[in-house]
C-alpha atoms as a PDB file:
ATOM      1  CA  MET A   1     -13.239  -0.143   7.669  1.00  0.00           C
ATOM      2  CA  SER A   2      -9.576   0.577   6.910  1.00  0.00           C
ATOM      3  CA  ASN A   3      -7.695  -0.843   3.728  1.00  0.00           C
ATOM      4  CA  ALA A   4      -5.864  -3.432   5.675  1.00  0.00           C
ATOM      5  CA  LYS A   5      -9.222  -4.746   7.257  1.00  0.00           C
ATOM      6  CA  ASP A   6     -10.870  -4.769   3.770  1.00  0.00           C
ATOM      7  CA  TYR A   7      -7.968  -6.701   2.125  1.00  0.00           C
ATOM      8  CA  LEU A   8      -8.005  -9.341   5.199  1.00  0.00           C
ATOM      9  CA  ALA A   9     -11.692  -9.787   4.712  1.00  0.00           C
ATOM     10  CA  LYS A  10     -11.343 -10.549   1.086  1.00  0.00           C
ATOM     11  CA  SER A  11      -8.434 -12.954   1.800  1.00  0.00           C
ATOM     12  CA  ILE A  12     -10.574 -14.683   4.069  1.00  0.00           C
ATOM     13  CA  ARG A  13     -13.364 -14.818   1.601  1.00  0.00           C
ATOM     14  CA  PHE A  14     -11.159 -16.191  -1.273  1.00  0.00           C
ATOM     15  CA  SER A  15      -9.483 -18.711   1.044  1.00  0.00           C
ATOM     16  CA  ALA A  16     -12.892 -20.103   2.043  1.00  0.00           C
ATOM     17  CA  GLU A  17     -13.899 -20.095  -1.827  1.00  0.00           C
ATOM     18  CA  ALA A  18     -10.481 -22.094  -2.502  1.00  0.00           C
ATOM     19  CA  ARG A  19     -11.346 -24.738   0.178  1.00  0.00           C
ATOM     20  CA  ALA A  20     -14.695 -25.319  -1.482  1.00  0.00           C
ATOM     21  CA  ALA A  21     -13.507 -25.234  -5.168  1.00  0.00           C
ATOM     22  CA  THR A  22     -13.489 -28.693  -6.950  1.00  0.00           C
ATOM     23  CA  ASP A  23     -11.611 -27.640  -9.931  1.00  0.00           C
ATOM     24  CA  PRO A  24      -7.783 -27.576  -9.130  1.00  0.00           C
ATOM     25  CA  ARG A  25      -7.052 -24.685 -11.387  1.00  0.00           C
ATOM     26  CA  ARG A  26      -9.837 -22.444  -9.903  1.00  0.00           C
ATOM     27  CA  ARG A  27      -8.606 -23.746  -6.270  1.00  0.00           C
ATOM     28  CA  ALA A  28      -5.089 -22.565  -7.421  1.00  0.00           C
ATOM     29  CA  ASP A  29      -6.316 -19.188  -8.653  1.00  0.00           C
ATOM     30  CA  LEU A  30      -8.316 -18.418  -5.545  1.00  0.00           C
ATOM     31  CA  GLU A  31      -5.472 -19.450  -3.231  1.00  0.00           C
ATOM     32  CA  TRP A  32      -3.266 -16.981  -5.229  1.00  0.00           C
ATOM     33  CA  LEU A  33      -5.769 -14.313  -4.690  1.00  0.00           C
ATOM     34  CA  ALA A  34      -6.231 -14.960  -1.003  1.00  0.00           C
ATOM     35  CA  ASN A  35      -2.462 -14.936  -0.501  1.00  0.00           C
ATOM     36  CA  SER A  36      -2.134 -11.626  -2.617  1.00  0.00           C
ATOM     37  CA  TYR A  37      -4.797  -9.947  -0.518  1.00  0.00           C
ATOM     38  CA  ARG A  38      -3.212 -11.040   2.720  1.00  0.00           C
ATOM     39  CA  LEU A  39       0.129  -9.533   1.574  1.00  0.00           C
ATOM     40  CA  LEU A  40      -1.759  -6.271   0.856  1.00  0.00           C
ATOM     41  CA  ALA A  41      -3.358  -6.433   4.210  1.00  0.00           C
ATOM     42  CA  GLU A  42       0.011  -6.580   5.781  1.00  0.00           C
ATOM     43  CA  HIS A  43       1.416  -3.903   3.692  1.00  0.00           C
ATOM     44  CA  ALA A  44      -1.473  -1.456   4.352  1.00  0.00           C
ATOM     45  CA  HIS A  45      -1.211  -2.117   7.979  1.00  0.00           C
ATOM     46  CA  ASP A  46       2.513  -1.590   8.130  1.00  0.00           C
ATOM     47  CA  GLU A  47       2.060   1.705   6.158  1.00  0.00           C
ATOM     48  CA  SER A  48      -0.724   2.954   8.340  1.00  0.00           C
ATOM     49  CA  THR A  49       1.420   2.266  11.425  1.00  0.00           C
ATOM     50  CA  ALA A  50       4.402   3.856  10.024  1.00  0.00           C
ATOM     51  CA  LEU A  51       2.363   6.995   9.102  1.00  0.00           C
ATOM     52  CA  ALA A  52       0.819   7.086  12.505  1.00  0.00           C
ATOM     53  CA  MET A  53       4.284   6.900  14.075  1.00  0.00           C
ATOM     54  CA  THR A  54       5.833   9.626  11.900  1.00  0.00           C
ATOM     55  CA  PRO A  55       6.060  12.991  13.455  1.00  0.00           C
ATOM     56  CA  GLN A  56       4.605  15.657  11.481  1.00  0.00           C
ATOM     57  CA  PRO A  57       6.425  19.013  11.483  1.00  0.00           C
ATOM     58  CA  ASP A  58       4.701  22.190  12.693  1.00  0.00           C
ATOM     59  CA  ALA A  59       3.465  24.529  10.032  1.00  0.00           C
ATOM     60  CA  GLN A  60       5.953  27.015  11.349  1.00  0.00           C
ATOM     61  CA  GLN A  61       8.953  24.640  10.780  1.00  0.00           C
ATOM     62  CA  ARG A  62       7.903  23.859   7.196  1.00  0.00           C
ATOM     63  CA  GLN A  63       9.270  26.688   5.075  1.00  0.00           C
ATOM     64  CA  PRO A  64       9.814  26.400   1.290  1.00  0.00           C
ATOM     65  CA  GLN A  65      13.501  26.585   0.353  1.00  0.00           C
ATOM     66  CA  GLN A  66      14.359  28.832  -2.372  1.00  0.00           C
ATOM     67  CA  GLN A  67      16.366  27.399  -5.196  1.00  0.00           C
ATOM     68  CA  GLN A  68      19.042  29.297  -6.500  1.00  0.00           C
ATOM     69  CA  GLN A  69      18.907  29.705 -10.465  1.00  0.00           C
ATOM     70  CA  GLY A  70      22.151  30.165 -12.349  1.00  0.00           C
ATOM     71  CA  LYS A  71      22.080  32.812 -15.069  1.00  0.00           C
ATOM     72  CA  LEU A  72      22.306  31.439 -18.618  1.00  0.00           C
ATOM     73  CA  GLU A  73      25.069  33.011 -20.708  1.00  0.00           C
ATOM     74  CA  PRO A  74      24.369  33.435 -24.423  1.00  0.00           C
ATOM     75  CA  GLU A  75      26.242  31.145 -26.676  1.00  0.00           C
ATOM     76  CA  GLU A  76      28.481  32.570 -29.270  1.00  0.00           C
END
């Protein structure tokens, strides 16, 4: 199962626990957790979609670039 699906499953579980909670503070905490996991699921889904749609360059196209290093002159 992907991260997005895991996060969504946790969100649903916390949401169900929140509905069953009788303590208002506990209910609020569980609702906050459910919302947080829902947002994580959305973000994970967006990231996986973006990565899947990003073209990967061929190995031949990826060449390391050499950086020029300046010579240090001794201080007087």
